[in-house]
Amino acid sequence: MAKIFFGKFYIPHQMLTVLKYIALIGTFFIYTTSGVFSKLASQREFLSPGYITFLGCTVGVLGIYAVLWQQIIKRMDVSLAYMFKGTGVVFGLMFAHFVFGEAITTTNIVGATSFASSTKLF
């Protein structure tokens, strides 16, 4: 097995695999924040400074997500990476509750669980 080096440091293959999954989940977390900025923009008056600021944040976050997503699918099978998209639903529920104070219902939990469980089915 070939050794993988990052600069001067050797990274075991298993650790590299774990880092890929952490990066993948982190990328979906970043993607979910675009929805937060979008909702914050919608709560402002159209074309006000706050609206434009949050809209700019939304576009910026989506740009960062696009670059990260491309880097992930470059290093991982798309079919495997795409299954983790369900984590975004869980992050969305967390943001809805903790940022906006929205109630999380049993239906929300059942729906998010069934969607996110596709990760476990593989």
C-alpha atoms as a PDB file:
ATOM      1  CA  MET A   1       0.000   0.000   0.000  1.00  0.00           C
ATOM      2  CA  ALA A   2       1.322   3.419  -0.913  1.00  0.00           C
ATOM      3  CA  LYS A   3       1.945   5.880   1.877  1.00  0.00           C
ATOM      4  CA  ILE A   4       0.024   9.131   1.691  1.00  0.00           C
ATOM      5  CA  PHE A   5       1.860  12.237   2.773  1.00  0.00           C
ATOM      6  CA  PHE A   6       0.471  15.666   3.559  1.00  0.00           C
ATOM      7  CA  GLY A   7       3.479  17.925   3.492  1.00  0.00           C
ATOM      8  CA  LYS A   8       5.987  16.179   5.769  1.00  0.00           C
ATOM      9  CA  PHE A   9       3.378  14.160   7.642  1.00  0.00           C
ATOM     10  CA  TYR A  10       2.238  10.625   6.895  1.00  0.00           C
ATOM     11  CA  ILE A  11      -1.550  10.171   6.957  1.00  0.00           C
ATOM     12  CA  PRO A  12      -2.853   6.607   7.375  1.00  0.00           C
ATOM     13  CA  HIS A  13      -5.424   5.551   4.768  1.00  0.00           C
ATOM     14  CA  GLN A  14      -8.165   5.027   7.374  1.00  0.00           C
ATOM     15  CA  MET A  15      -7.665   8.552   8.723  1.00  0.00           C
ATOM     16  CA  LEU A  16      -7.907   9.958   5.209  1.00  0.00           C
ATOM     17  CA  THR A  17     -11.225   8.156   4.727  1.00  0.00           C
ATOM     18  CA  VAL A  18     -12.576   9.604   7.979  1.00  0.00           C
ATOM     19  CA  LEU A  19     -11.450  13.089   6.927  1.00  0.00           C
ATOM     20  CA  LYS A  20     -13.328  12.703   3.621  1.00  0.00           C
ATOM     21  CA  TYR A  21     -16.572  11.965   5.443  1.00  0.00           C
ATOM     22  CA  ILE A  22     -16.048  14.839   7.878  1.00  0.00           C
ATOM     23  CA  ALA A  23     -15.446  17.175   4.928  1.00  0.00           C
ATOM     24  CA  LEU A  24     -18.558  15.823   3.219  1.00  0.00           C
ATOM     25  CA  ILE A  25     -20.809  16.407   6.230  1.00  0.00           C
ATOM     26  CA  GLY A  26     -19.217  19.814   6.804  1.00  0.00           C
ATOM     27  CA  THR A  27     -19.953  20.736   3.195  1.00  0.00           C
ATOM     28  CA  PHE A  28     -23.637  19.922   3.650  1.00  0.00           C
ATOM     29  CA  PHE A  29     -23.610  21.973   6.860  1.00  0.00           C
ATOM     30  CA  ILE A  30     -22.237  24.928   4.879  1.00  0.00           C
ATOM     31  CA  TYR A  31     -24.880  24.365   2.195  1.00  0.00           C
ATOM     32  CA  THR A  32     -27.640  24.455   4.822  1.00  0.00           C
ATOM     33  CA  THR A  33     -26.457  27.852   6.067  1.00  0.00           C
ATOM     34  CA  SER A  34     -27.428  29.274   2.665  1.00  0.00           C
ATOM     35  CA  GLY A  35     -31.034  28.572   3.593  1.00  0.00           C
ATOM     36  CA  VAL A  36     -30.572  30.447   6.862  1.00  0.00           C
ATOM     37  CA  PHE A  37     -29.214  33.509   5.045  1.00  0.00           C
ATOM     38  CA  SER A  38     -31.993  33.248   2.495  1.00  0.00           C
ATOM     39  CA  LYS A  39     -34.662  33.231   5.209  1.00  0.00           C
ATOM     40  CA  LEU A  40     -32.975  36.145   6.968  1.00  0.00           C
ATOM     41  CA  ALA A  41     -33.025  38.060   3.667  1.00  0.00           C
ATOM     42  CA  SER A  42     -36.727  37.298   3.218  1.00  0.00           C
ATOM     43  CA  GLN A  43     -37.464  38.906   6.585  1.00  0.00           C
ATOM     44  CA  ARG A  44     -36.036  42.241   5.397  1.00  0.00           C
ATOM     45  CA  GLU A  45     -37.612  44.827   3.155  1.00  0.00           C
ATOM     46  CA  PHE A  46     -36.878  44.177  -0.526  1.00  0.00           C
ATOM     47  CA  LEU A  47     -33.608  45.819  -1.675  1.00  0.00           C
ATOM     48  CA  SER A  48     -32.853  47.232   1.780  1.00  0.00           C
ATOM     49  CA  PRO A  49     -29.197  47.054   2.947  1.00  0.00           C
ATOM     50  CA  GLY A  50     -30.033  44.079   5.200  1.00  0.00           C
ATOM     51  CA  TYR A  51     -31.749  42.269   2.347  1.00  0.00           C
ATOM     52  CA  ILE A  52     -28.804  42.812  -0.001  1.00  0.00           C
ATOM     53  CA  THR A  53     -26.325  41.767   2.701  1.00  0.00           C
ATOM     54  CA  PHE A  54     -28.086  38.480   3.452  1.00  0.00           C
ATOM     55  CA  LEU A  55     -28.673  37.813  -0.227  1.00  0.00           C
ATOM     56  CA  GLY A  56     -24.941  38.335  -0.832  1.00  0.00           C
ATOM     57  CA  CYS A  57     -24.163  35.925   2.008  1.00  0.00           C
ATOM     58  CA  THR A  58     -26.495  33.368   0.415  1.00  0.00           C
ATOM     59  CA  VAL A  59     -24.738  33.630  -2.937  1.00  0.00           C
ATOM     60  CA  GLY A  60     -21.302  33.548  -1.283  1.00  0.00           C
ATOM     61  CA  VAL A  61     -22.122  30.438   0.733  1.00  0.00           C
ATOM     62  CA  LEU A  62     -23.496  28.691  -2.367  1.00  0.00           C
ATOM     63  CA  GLY A  63     -20.282  29.545  -4.210  1.00  0.00           C
ATOM     64  CA  ILE A  64     -18.173  28.051  -1.415  1.00  0.00           C
ATOM     65  CA  TYR A  65     -20.410  24.988  -1.374  1.00  0.00           C
ATOM     66  CA  ALA A  66     -20.036  24.533  -5.150  1.00  0.00           C
ATOM     67  CA  VAL A  67     -16.238  24.513  -4.914  1.00  0.00           C
ATOM     68  CA  LEU A  68     -16.212  22.146  -1.929  1.00  0.00           C
ATOM     69  CA  TRP A  69     -18.731  19.795  -3.572  1.00  0.00           C
ATOM     70  CA  GLN A  70     -16.586  19.584  -6.703  1.00  0.00           C
ATOM     71  CA  GLN A  71     -13.543  18.720  -4.610  1.00  0.00           C
ATOM     72  CA  ILE A  72     -15.458  16.031  -2.736  1.00  0.00           C
ATOM     73  CA  ILE A  73     -16.850  14.290  -5.818  1.00  0.00           C
ATOM     74  CA  LYS A  74     -13.373  14.422  -7.308  1.00  0.00           C
ATOM     75  CA  ARG A  75     -12.193  12.195  -4.452  1.00  0.00           C
ATOM     76  CA  MET A  76     -15.335  10.118  -3.770  1.00  0.00           C
ATOM     77  CA  ASP A  77     -18.000   8.309  -5.764  1.00  0.00           C
ATOM     78  CA  VAL A  78     -20.926  10.619  -6.485  1.00  0.00           C
ATOM     79  CA  SER A  79     -23.440   7.904  -5.575  1.00  0.00           C
ATOM     80  CA  LEU A  80     -21.871   7.585  -2.129  1.00  0.00           C
ATOM     81  CA  ALA A  81     -21.447  11.325  -1.549  1.00  0.00           C
ATOM     82  CA  TYR A  82     -24.990  12.126  -2.645  1.00  0.00           C
ATOM     83  CA  MET A  83     -26.487   9.777  -0.054  1.00  0.00           C
ATOM     84  CA  PHE A  84     -25.189  12.083   2.671  1.00  0.00           C
ATOM     85  CA  LYS A  85     -27.410  14.902   1.426  1.00  0.00           C
ATOM     86  CA  GLY A  86     -29.923  13.776   4.038  1.00  0.00           C
ATOM     87  CA  THR A  87     -27.678  15.272   6.712  1.00  0.00           C
ATOM     88  CA  GLY A  88     -28.664  18.662   5.301  1.00  0.00           C
ATOM     89  CA  VAL A  89     -32.272  18.009   6.334  1.00  0.00           C
ATOM     90  CA  VAL A  90     -31.152  17.344   9.897  1.00  0.00           C
ATOM     91  CA  PHE A  91     -29.046  20.519   9.897  1.00  0.00           C
ATOM     92  CA  GLY A  92     -32.035  22.418   8.480  1.00  0.00           C
ATOM     93  CA  LEU A  93     -34.222  21.284  11.374  1.00  0.00           C
ATOM     94  CA  MET A  94     -31.549  22.314  13.853  1.00  0.00           C
ATOM     95  CA  PHE A  95     -31.220  25.772  12.286  1.00  0.00           C
ATOM     96  CA  ALA A  96     -35.007  26.193  12.155  1.00  0.00           C
ATOM     97  CA  HIS A  97     -35.271  25.459  15.858  1.00  0.00           C
ATOM     98  CA  PHE A  98     -32.165  27.130  17.278  1.00  0.00           C
ATOM     99  CA  VAL A  99     -31.886  30.163  14.981  1.00  0.00           C
ATOM    100  CA  PHE A 100     -35.522  30.926  14.186  1.00  0.00           C
ATOM    101  CA  GLY A 101     -37.249  29.383  17.206  1.00  0.00           C
ATOM    102  CA  GLU A 102     -39.509  27.205  15.079  1.00  0.00           C
ATOM    103  CA  ALA A 103     -41.145  24.169  16.640  1.00  0.00           C
ATOM    104  CA  ILE A 104     -39.957  20.739  15.604  1.00  0.00           C
ATOM    105  CA  THR A 105     -42.908  18.389  15.265  1.00  0.00           C
ATOM    106  CA  THR A 106     -43.029  14.615  15.325  1.00  0.00           C
ATOM    107  CA  THR A 107     -43.699  14.691  11.582  1.00  0.00           C
ATOM    108  CA  ASN A 108     -40.510  16.720  11.068  1.00  0.00           C
ATOM    109  CA  ILE A 109     -38.485  14.214  13.061  1.00  0.00           C
ATOM    110  CA  VAL A 110     -39.971  11.188  11.270  1.00  0.00           C
ATOM    111  CA  GLY A 111     -39.410  12.796   7.866  1.00  0.00           C
ATOM    112  CA  ALA A 112     -35.835  13.853   8.626  1.00  0.00           C
ATOM    113  CA  THR A 113     -35.023  10.449  10.102  1.00  0.00           C
ATOM    114  CA  SER A 114     -36.382   8.545   7.111  1.00  0.00           C
ATOM    115  CA  PHE A 115     -34.556  10.842   4.693  1.00  0.00           C
ATOM    116  CA  ALA A 116     -31.270  10.795   6.593  1.00  0.00           C
ATOM    117  CA  SER A 117     -31.448   7.013   7.118  1.00  0.00           C
ATOM    118  CA  SER A 118     -30.611   6.528   3.454  1.00  0.00           C
ATOM    119  CA  THR A 119     -27.020   6.955   4.632  1.00  0.00           C
ATOM    120  CA  LYS A 120     -27.343   3.823   6.752  1.00  0.00           C
ATOM    121  CA  LEU A 121     -29.010   1.745   4.015  1.00  0.00           C
ATOM    122  CA  PHE A 122     -25.887   1.764   1.862  1.00  0.00           C
END
